[in-house]
Amino acid sequence: MVAQKIVVAKISGLHLRPAGKISETCLQYACKIQIKKGDCVANAKSVLGLLAARVRQGDEIEIICDGADEQKALQAVIEVIQSDK
């Protein structure tokens, strides 16, 4: 298992479009990927799960990956969250 905390810099937080991109990226990996904000733990492969976490700009989240390709998945998810697109 690998995990990393990051602060969400996107002005709009993780609304529908970025949640879709994160989910799409996560589905490429076999490992279990979760995003934790406070007490809320969301399945990062689910757009609805990500939206339910209500992640806003400035929130600290933890990305948790567990499985065969966990390290690659962690880096990919961080890149998508931190990208400007």
PDB file of N, CA and C in Angstrom:
ATOM      1  N   MET A   1       0.847  -1.183   0.000  1.00  0.00           N
ATOM      2  CA  MET A   1       0.000   0.000   0.000  1.00  0.00           C
ATOM      3  C   MET A   1       0.888   1.241   0.000  1.00  0.00           C
ATOM      4  N   VAL A   2       0.515   2.211  -0.833  1.00  0.00           N
ATOM      5  CA  VAL A   2       1.197   3.504  -0.869  1.00  0.00           C
ATOM      6  C   VAL A   2       0.145   4.599  -0.730  1.00  0.00           C
ATOM      7  N   ALA A   3       0.551   5.698  -0.145  1.00  0.00           N
ATOM      8  CA  ALA A   3      -0.381   6.814   0.046  1.00  0.00           C
ATOM      9  C   ALA A   3       0.401   8.119   0.026  1.00  0.00           C
ATOM     10  N   GLN A   4      -0.288   9.179  -0.378  1.00  0.00           N
ATOM     11  CA  GLN A   4       0.326  10.504  -0.365  1.00  0.00           C
ATOM     12  C   GLN A   4      -0.753  11.547  -0.162  1.00  0.00           C
ATOM     13  N   LYS A   5      -0.424  12.543   0.650  1.00  0.00           N
ATOM     14  CA  LYS A   5      -1.343  13.661   0.869  1.00  0.00           C
ATOM     15  C   LYS A   5      -0.970  14.801  -0.066  1.00  0.00           C
ATOM     16  N   ILE A   6      -1.995  15.445  -0.620  1.00  0.00           N
ATOM     17  CA  ILE A   6      -1.782  16.630  -1.445  1.00  0.00           C
ATOM     18  C   ILE A   6      -2.883  17.639  -1.139  1.00  0.00           C
ATOM     19  N   VAL A   7      -2.629  18.887  -1.487  1.00  0.00           N
ATOM     20  CA  VAL A   7      -3.626  19.941  -1.340  1.00  0.00           C
ATOM     21  C   VAL A   7      -4.163  20.243  -2.737  1.00  0.00           C
ATOM     22  N   VAL A   8      -5.473  20.273  -2.860  1.00  0.00           N
ATOM     23  CA  VAL A   8      -6.123  20.520  -4.150  1.00  0.00           C
ATOM     24  C   VAL A   8      -6.027  22.012  -4.470  1.00  0.00           C
ATOM     25  N   ALA A   9      -5.390  22.304  -5.604  1.00  0.00           N
ATOM     26  CA  ALA A   9      -5.171  23.698  -5.995  1.00  0.00           C
ATOM     27  C   ALA A   9      -6.218  24.210  -6.985  1.00  0.00           C
ATOM     28  N   LYS A  10      -6.934  23.307  -7.643  1.00  0.00           N
ATOM     29  CA  LYS A  10      -7.916  23.731  -8.647  1.00  0.00           C
ATOM     30  C   LYS A  10      -8.969  24.630  -7.999  1.00  0.00           C
ATOM     31  N   ILE A  11      -9.227  25.757  -8.636  1.00  0.00           N
ATOM     32  CA  ILE A  11     -10.188  26.726  -8.106  1.00  0.00           C
ATOM     33  C   ILE A  11     -11.558  26.096  -7.905  1.00  0.00           C
ATOM     34  N   SER A  12     -11.948  25.240  -8.834  1.00  0.00           N
ATOM     35  CA  SER A  12     -13.281  24.630  -8.760  1.00  0.00           C
ATOM     36  C   SER A  12     -13.299  23.328  -7.971  1.00  0.00           C
ATOM     37  N   GLY A  13     -12.175  22.914  -7.414  1.00  0.00           N
ATOM     38  CA  GLY A  13     -12.128  21.653  -6.679  1.00  0.00           C
ATOM     39  C   GLY A  13     -12.296  20.472  -7.616  1.00  0.00           C
ATOM     40  N   LEU A  14     -12.838  19.383  -7.113  1.00  0.00           N
ATOM     41  CA  LEU A  14     -13.053  18.188  -7.935  1.00  0.00           C
ATOM     42  C   LEU A  14     -14.524  18.093  -8.314  1.00  0.00           C
ATOM     43  N   HIS A  15     -14.939  18.947  -9.249  1.00  0.00           N
ATOM     44  CA  HIS A  15     -16.316  18.899  -9.740  1.00  0.00           C
ATOM     45  C   HIS A  15     -16.419  17.804 -10.798  1.00  0.00           C
ATOM     46  N   LEU A  16     -17.485  17.773 -11.549  1.00  0.00           N
ATOM     47  CA  LEU A  16     -17.775  16.660 -12.460  1.00  0.00           C
ATOM     48  C   LEU A  16     -16.669  16.371 -13.472  1.00  0.00           C
ATOM     49  N   ARG A  17     -16.178  17.365 -14.165  1.00  0.00           N
ATOM     50  CA  ARG A  17     -15.172  17.123 -15.207  1.00  0.00           C
ATOM     51  C   ARG A  17     -13.878  16.529 -14.634  1.00  0.00           C
ATOM     52  N   PRO A  18     -13.254  17.139 -13.609  1.00  0.00           N
ATOM     53  CA  PRO A  18     -12.040  16.525 -13.066  1.00  0.00           C
ATOM     54  C   PRO A  18     -12.312  15.169 -12.417  1.00  0.00           C
ATOM     55  N   ALA A  19     -13.471  15.002 -11.799  1.00  0.00           N
ATOM     56  CA  ALA A  19     -13.804  13.706 -11.201  1.00  0.00           C
ATOM     57  C   ALA A  19     -13.877  12.630 -12.283  1.00  0.00           C
ATOM     58  N   GLY A  20     -14.416  12.988 -13.438  1.00  0.00           N
ATOM     59  CA  GLY A  20     -14.478  12.049 -14.557  1.00  0.00           C
ATOM     60  C   GLY A  20     -13.097  11.677 -15.054  1.00  0.00           C
ATOM     61  N   LYS A  21     -12.203  12.664 -15.134  1.00  0.00           N
ATOM     62  CA  LYS A  21     -10.830  12.395 -15.587  1.00  0.00           C
ATOM     63  C   LYS A  21     -10.079  11.522 -14.580  1.00  0.00           C
ATOM     64  N   ILE A  22     -10.286  11.789 -13.304  1.00  0.00           N
ATOM     65  CA  ILE A  22      -9.635  10.984 -12.269  1.00  0.00           C
ATOM     66  C   ILE A  22     -10.138   9.546 -12.345  1.00  0.00           C
ATOM     67  N   SER A  23     -11.438   9.390 -12.411  1.00  0.00           N
ATOM     68  CA  SER A  23     -12.038   8.060 -12.493  1.00  0.00           C
ATOM     69  C   SER A  23     -11.548   7.304 -13.723  1.00  0.00           C
ATOM     70  N   GLU A  24     -11.518   7.985 -14.860  1.00  0.00           N
ATOM     71  CA  GLU A  24     -11.061   7.378 -16.109  1.00  0.00           C
ATOM     72  C   GLU A  24      -9.610   6.906 -15.981  1.00  0.00           C
ATOM     73  N   THR A  25      -8.780   7.716 -15.349  1.00  0.00           N
ATOM     74  CA  THR A  25      -7.381   7.349 -15.130  1.00  0.00           C
ATOM     75  C   THR A  25      -7.279   6.144 -14.197  1.00  0.00           C
ATOM     76  N   CYS A  26      -8.040   6.164 -13.120  1.00  0.00           N
ATOM     77  CA  CYS A  26      -7.989   5.086 -12.137  1.00  0.00           C
ATOM     78  C   CYS A  26      -8.428   3.743 -12.708  1.00  0.00           C
ATOM     79  N   LEU A  27      -9.366   3.773 -13.632  1.00  0.00           N
ATOM     80  CA  LEU A  27      -9.857   2.526 -14.226  1.00  0.00           C
ATOM     81  C   LEU A  27      -8.794   1.817 -15.059  1.00  0.00           C
ATOM     82  N   GLN A  28      -7.708   2.480 -15.375  1.00  0.00           N
ATOM     83  CA  GLN A  28      -6.617   1.876 -16.133  1.00  0.00           C
ATOM     84  C   GLN A  28      -5.717   1.001 -15.259  1.00  0.00           C
ATOM     85  N   TYR A  29      -5.920   1.044 -13.954  1.00  0.00           N
ATOM     86  CA  TYR A  29      -5.058   0.317 -13.025  1.00  0.00           C
ATOM     87  C   TYR A  29      -5.845  -0.761 -12.280  1.00  0.00           C
ATOM     88  N   ALA A  30      -5.149  -1.846 -11.977  1.00  0.00           N
ATOM     89  CA  ALA A  30      -5.789  -2.983 -11.314  1.00  0.00           C
ATOM     90  C   ALA A  30      -5.925  -2.778  -9.810  1.00  0.00           C
ATOM     91  N   CYS A  31      -5.087  -1.941  -9.241  1.00  0.00           N
ATOM     92  CA  CYS A  31      -5.097  -1.771  -7.789  1.00  0.00           C
ATOM     93  C   CYS A  31      -6.335  -1.010  -7.304  1.00  0.00           C
ATOM     94  N   LYS A  32      -6.579  -1.106  -6.021  1.00  0.00           N
ATOM     95  CA  LYS A  32      -7.663  -0.360  -5.372  1.00  0.00           C
ATOM     96  C   LYS A  32      -7.161   1.062  -5.129  1.00  0.00           C
ATOM     97  N   ILE A  33      -7.948   2.053  -5.533  1.00  0.00           N
ATOM     98  CA  ILE A  33      -7.543   3.457  -5.385  1.00  0.00           C
ATOM     99  C   ILE A  33      -8.645   4.211  -4.646  1.00  0.00           C
ATOM    100  N   GLN A  34      -8.253   4.858  -3.560  1.00  0.00           N
ATOM    101  CA  GLN A  34      -9.217   5.609  -2.758  1.00  0.00           C
ATOM    102  C   GLN A  34      -8.706   7.026  -2.534  1.00  0.00           C
ATOM    103  N   ILE A  35      -9.632   7.946  -2.368  1.00  0.00           N
ATOM    104  CA  ILE A  35      -9.299   9.314  -1.996  1.00  0.00           C
ATOM    105  C   ILE A  35      -9.987   9.596  -0.668  1.00  0.00           C
ATOM    106  N   LYS A  36      -9.185  10.042   0.287  1.00  0.00           N
ATOM    107  CA  LYS A  36      -9.698  10.285   1.638  1.00  0.00           C
ATOM    108  C   LYS A  36      -9.641  11.779   1.935  1.00  0.00           C
ATOM    109  N   LYS A  37     -10.779  12.310   2.379  1.00  0.00           N
ATOM    110  CA  LYS A  37     -10.866  13.699   2.833  1.00  0.00           C
ATOM    111  C   LYS A  37     -11.547  13.665   4.189  1.00  0.00           C
ATOM    112  N   GLY A  38     -10.808  13.969   5.214  1.00  0.00           N
ATOM    113  CA  GLY A  38     -11.358  13.875   6.567  1.00  0.00           C
ATOM    114  C   GLY A  38     -11.771  12.448   6.862  1.00  0.00           C
ATOM    115  N   ASP A  39     -13.030  12.268   7.243  1.00  0.00           N
ATOM    116  CA  ASP A  39     -13.547  10.927   7.539  1.00  0.00           C
ATOM    117  C   ASP A  39     -14.132  10.241   6.316  1.00  0.00           C
ATOM    118  N   CYS A  40     -14.252  10.962   5.217  1.00  0.00           N
ATOM    119  CA  CYS A  40     -14.856  10.424   3.990  1.00  0.00           C
ATOM    120  C   CYS A  40     -13.793   9.708   3.151  1.00  0.00           C
ATOM    121  N   VAL A  41     -14.055   8.460   2.820  1.00  0.00           N
ATOM    122  CA  VAL A  41     -13.171   7.696   1.942  1.00  0.00           C
ATOM    123  C   VAL A  41     -13.965   7.329   0.696  1.00  0.00           C
ATOM    124  N   ALA A  42     -13.473   7.780  -0.469  1.00  0.00           N
ATOM    125  CA  ALA A  42     -14.193   7.575  -1.729  1.00  0.00           C
ATOM    126  C   ALA A  42     -13.417   6.634  -2.643  1.00  0.00           C
ATOM    127  N   ASN A  43     -14.159   5.798  -3.349  1.00  0.00           N
ATOM    128  CA  ASN A  43     -13.579   4.956  -4.387  1.00  0.00           C
ATOM    129  C   ASN A  43     -13.248   5.869  -5.569  1.00  0.00           C
ATOM    130  N   ALA A  44     -11.969   5.997  -5.894  1.00  0.00           N
ATOM    131  CA  ALA A  44     -11.552   6.926  -6.945  1.00  0.00           C
ATOM    132  C   ALA A  44     -11.928   6.435  -8.340  1.00  0.00           C
ATOM    133  N   LYS A  45     -12.379   5.208  -8.465  1.00  0.00           N
ATOM    134  CA  LYS A  45     -12.818   4.683  -9.760  1.00  0.00           C
ATOM    135  C   LYS A  45     -14.285   5.020 -10.025  1.00  0.00           C
ATOM    136  N   SER A  46     -14.932   5.663  -9.052  1.00  0.00           N
ATOM    137  CA  SER A  46     -16.341   6.021  -9.162  1.00  0.00           C
ATOM    138  C   SER A  46     -16.507   7.538  -9.180  1.00  0.00           C
ATOM    139  N   VAL A  47     -17.063   8.067 -10.257  1.00  0.00           N
ATOM    140  CA  VAL A  47     -17.297   9.508 -10.352  1.00  0.00           C
ATOM    141  C   VAL A  47     -18.213   9.963  -9.216  1.00  0.00           C
ATOM    142  N   LEU A  48     -19.263   9.209  -8.965  1.00  0.00           N
ATOM    143  CA  LEU A  48     -20.201   9.589  -7.892  1.00  0.00           C
ATOM    144  C   LEU A  48     -19.527   9.562  -6.525  1.00  0.00           C
ATOM    145  N   GLY A  49     -18.644   8.600  -6.323  1.00  0.00           N
ATOM    146  CA  GLY A  49     -17.906   8.529  -5.066  1.00  0.00           C
ATOM    147  C   GLY A  49     -17.036   9.768  -4.875  1.00  0.00           C
ATOM    148  N   LEU A  50     -16.366  10.177  -5.945  1.00  0.00           N
ATOM    149  CA  LEU A  50     -15.517  11.370  -5.870  1.00  0.00           C
ATOM    150  C   LEU A  50     -16.343  12.627  -5.621  1.00  0.00           C
ATOM    151  N   LEU A  51     -17.479  12.739  -6.283  1.00  0.00           N
ATOM    152  CA  LEU A  51     -18.339  13.902  -6.080  1.00  0.00           C
ATOM    153  C   LEU A  51     -18.880  13.945  -4.650  1.00  0.00           C
ATOM    154  N   ALA A  52     -19.165  12.772  -4.088  1.00  0.00           N
ATOM    155  CA  ALA A  52     -19.694  12.699  -2.723  1.00  0.00           C
ATOM    156  C   ALA A  52     -18.670  13.171  -1.688  1.00  0.00           C
ATOM    157  N   ALA A  53     -17.391  13.089  -2.030  1.00  0.00           N
ATOM    158  CA  ALA A  53     -16.342  13.533  -1.092  1.00  0.00           C
ATOM    159  C   ALA A  53     -16.315  15.053  -0.954  1.00  0.00           C
ATOM    160  N   ARG A  54     -16.911  15.764  -1.918  1.00  0.00           N
ATOM    161  CA  ARG A  54     -17.020  17.225  -1.884  1.00  0.00           C
ATOM    162  C   ARG A  54     -15.668  17.915  -1.662  1.00  0.00           C
ATOM    163  N   VAL A  55     -14.722  17.602  -2.533  1.00  0.00           N
ATOM    164  CA  VAL A  55     -13.380  18.162  -2.436  1.00  0.00           C
ATOM    165  C   VAL A  55     -13.359  19.539  -3.088  1.00  0.00           C
ATOM    166  N   ARG A  56     -12.904  20.513  -2.326  1.00  0.00           N
ATOM    167  CA  ARG A  56     -12.851  21.897  -2.798  1.00  0.00           C
ATOM    168  C   ARG A  56     -11.409  22.392  -2.818  1.00  0.00           C
ATOM    169  N   GLN A  57     -11.218  23.550  -3.437  1.00  0.00           N
ATOM    170  CA  GLN A  57      -9.887  24.152  -3.482  1.00  0.00           C
ATOM    171  C   GLN A  57      -9.362  24.346  -2.060  1.00  0.00           C
ATOM    172  N   GLY A  58      -8.106  23.982  -1.844  1.00  0.00           N
ATOM    173  CA  GLY A  58      -7.469  24.147  -0.544  1.00  0.00           C
ATOM    174  C   GLY A  58      -7.637  22.955   0.384  1.00  0.00           C
ATOM    175  N   ASP A  59      -8.497  22.007   0.014  1.00  0.00           N
ATOM    176  CA  ASP A  59      -8.674  20.809   0.839  1.00  0.00           C
ATOM    177  C   ASP A  59      -7.461  19.907   0.732  1.00  0.00           C
ATOM    178  N   GLU A  60      -7.078  19.319   1.860  1.00  0.00           N
ATOM    179  CA  GLU A  60      -6.021  18.308   1.840  1.00  0.00           C
ATOM    180  C   GLU A  60      -6.680  16.945   1.699  1.00  0.00           C
ATOM    181  N   ILE A  61      -6.229  16.189   0.719  1.00  0.00           N
ATOM    182  CA  ILE A  61      -6.753  14.839   0.510  1.00  0.00           C
ATOM    183  C   ILE A  61      -5.595  13.857   0.547  1.00  0.00           C
ATOM    184  N   GLU A  62      -5.932  12.623   0.820  1.00  0.00           N
ATOM    185  CA  GLU A  62      -4.935  11.556   0.800  1.00  0.00           C
ATOM    186  C   GLU A  62      -5.338  10.560  -0.280  1.00  0.00           C
ATOM    187  N   ILE A  63      -4.402  10.242  -1.159  1.00  0.00           N
ATOM    188  CA  ILE A  63      -4.632   9.256  -2.202  1.00  0.00           C
ATOM    189  C   ILE A  63      -4.003   7.958  -1.724  1.00  0.00           C
ATOM    190  N   ILE A  64      -4.806   6.899  -1.693  1.00  0.00           N
ATOM    191  CA  ILE A  64      -4.360   5.610  -1.180  1.00  0.00           C
ATOM    192  C   ILE A  64      -4.510   4.566  -2.278  1.00  0.00           C
ATOM    193  N   CYS A  65      -3.411   3.899  -2.610  1.00  0.00           N
ATOM    194  CA  CYS A  65      -3.421   2.862  -3.646  1.00  0.00           C
ATOM    195  C   CYS A  65      -2.912   1.564  -3.038  1.00  0.00           C
ATOM    196  N   ASP A  66      -3.586   0.474  -3.351  1.00  0.00           N
ATOM    197  CA  ASP A  66      -3.214  -0.822  -2.790  1.00  0.00           C
ATOM    198  C   ASP A  66      -3.383  -1.903  -3.855  1.00  0.00           C
ATOM    199  N   GLY A  67      -2.270  -2.482  -4.283  1.00  0.00           N
ATOM    200  CA  GLY A  67      -2.331  -3.540  -5.282  1.00  0.00           C
ATOM    201  C   GLY A  67      -1.071  -3.603  -6.121  1.00  0.00           C
ATOM    202  N   ALA A  68      -1.140  -4.398  -7.177  1.00  0.00           N
ATOM    203  CA  ALA A  68       0.024  -4.702  -8.002  1.00  0.00           C
ATOM    204  C   ALA A  68       0.694  -3.478  -8.626  1.00  0.00           C
ATOM    205  N   ASP A  69      -0.070  -2.564  -9.161  1.00  0.00           N
ATOM    206  CA  ASP A  69       0.500  -1.401  -9.852  1.00  0.00           C
ATOM    207  C   ASP A  69       0.287  -0.102  -9.073  1.00  0.00           C
ATOM    208  N   GLU A  70       0.343  -0.218  -7.761  1.00  0.00           N
ATOM    209  CA  GLU A  70       0.000   0.893  -6.872  1.00  0.00           C
ATOM    210  C   GLU A  70       0.874   2.137  -7.063  1.00  0.00           C
ATOM    211  N   GLN A  71       2.163   1.968  -7.250  1.00  0.00           N
ATOM    212  CA  GLN A  71       3.056   3.124  -7.376  1.00  0.00           C
ATOM    213  C   GLN A  71       2.759   3.922  -8.652  1.00  0.00           C
ATOM    214  N   LYS A  72       2.572   3.222  -9.764  1.00  0.00           N
ATOM    215  CA  LYS A  72       2.242   3.895 -11.027  1.00  0.00           C
ATOM    216  C   LYS A  72       0.884   4.584 -10.924  1.00  0.00           C
ATOM    217  N   ALA A  73      -0.058   3.929 -10.292  1.00  0.00           N
ATOM    218  CA  ALA A  73      -1.396   4.499 -10.135  1.00  0.00           C
ATOM    219  C   ALA A  73      -1.348   5.768  -9.290  1.00  0.00           C
ATOM    220  N   LEU A  74      -0.600   5.729  -8.208  1.00  0.00           N
ATOM    221  CA  LEU A  74      -0.491   6.898  -7.331  1.00  0.00           C
ATOM    222  C   LEU A  74       0.051   8.095  -8.094  1.00  0.00           C
ATOM    223  N   GLN A  75       1.112   7.909  -8.848  1.00  0.00           N
ATOM    224  CA  GLN A  75       1.701   9.003  -9.611  1.00  0.00           C
ATOM    225  C   GLN A  75       0.735   9.533 -10.668  1.00  0.00           C
ATOM    226  N   ALA A  76       0.029   8.631 -11.330  1.00  0.00           N
ATOM    227  CA  ALA A  76      -0.919   9.041 -12.372  1.00  0.00           C
ATOM    228  C   ALA A  76      -2.062   9.869 -11.792  1.00  0.00           C
ATOM    229  N   VAL A  77      -2.598   9.448 -10.662  1.00  0.00           N
ATOM    230  CA  VAL A  77      -3.708  10.167 -10.035  1.00  0.00           C
ATOM    231  C   VAL A  77      -3.249  11.552  -9.569  1.00  0.00           C
ATOM    232  N   ILE A  78      -2.075  11.623  -8.984  1.00  0.00           N
ATOM    233  CA  ILE A  78      -1.543  12.920  -8.546  1.00  0.00           C
ATOM    234  C   ILE A  78      -1.385  13.862  -9.736  1.00  0.00           C
ATOM    235  N   GLU A  79      -0.861  13.344 -10.847  1.00  0.00           N
ATOM    236  CA  GLU A  79      -0.686  14.169 -12.045  1.00  0.00           C
ATOM    237  C   GLU A  79      -2.023  14.705 -12.554  1.00  0.00           C
ATOM    238  N   VAL A  80      -3.045  13.863 -12.563  1.00  0.00           N
ATOM    239  CA  VAL A  80      -4.358  14.302 -13.050  1.00  0.00           C
ATOM    240  C   VAL A  80      -4.942  15.370 -12.124  1.00  0.00           C
ATOM    241  N   ILE A  81      -4.842  15.165 -10.829  1.00  0.00           N
ATOM    242  CA  ILE A  81      -5.392  16.138  -9.875  1.00  0.00           C
ATOM    243  C   ILE A  81      -4.660  17.470  -9.959  1.00  0.00           C
ATOM    244  N   GLN A  82      -3.354  17.425 -10.164  1.00  0.00           N
ATOM    245  CA  GLN A  82      -2.573  18.660 -10.176  1.00  0.00           C
ATOM    246  C   GLN A  82      -2.491  19.320 -11.551  1.00  0.00           C
ATOM    247  N   SER A  83      -3.006  18.659 -12.588  1.00  0.00           N
ATOM    248  CA  SER A  83      -2.926  19.244 -13.929  1.00  0.00           C
ATOM    249  C   SER A  83      -3.898  20.418 -14.051  1.00  0.00           C
ATOM    250  N   ASP A  84      -3.608  21.288 -14.993  1.00  0.00           N
ATOM    251  CA  ASP A  84      -4.447  22.458 -15.231  1.00  0.00           C
ATOM    252  C   ASP A  84      -5.645  22.140 -16.108  1.00  0.00           C
ATOM    253  N   LYS A  85      -5.646  20.988 -16.737  1.00  0.00           N
ATOM    254  CA  LYS A  85      -6.715  20.638 -17.687  1.00  0.00           C
ATOM    255  C   LYS A  85      -7.846  19.926 -17.014  1.00  0.00           C
TER     256      LYS A  85
END
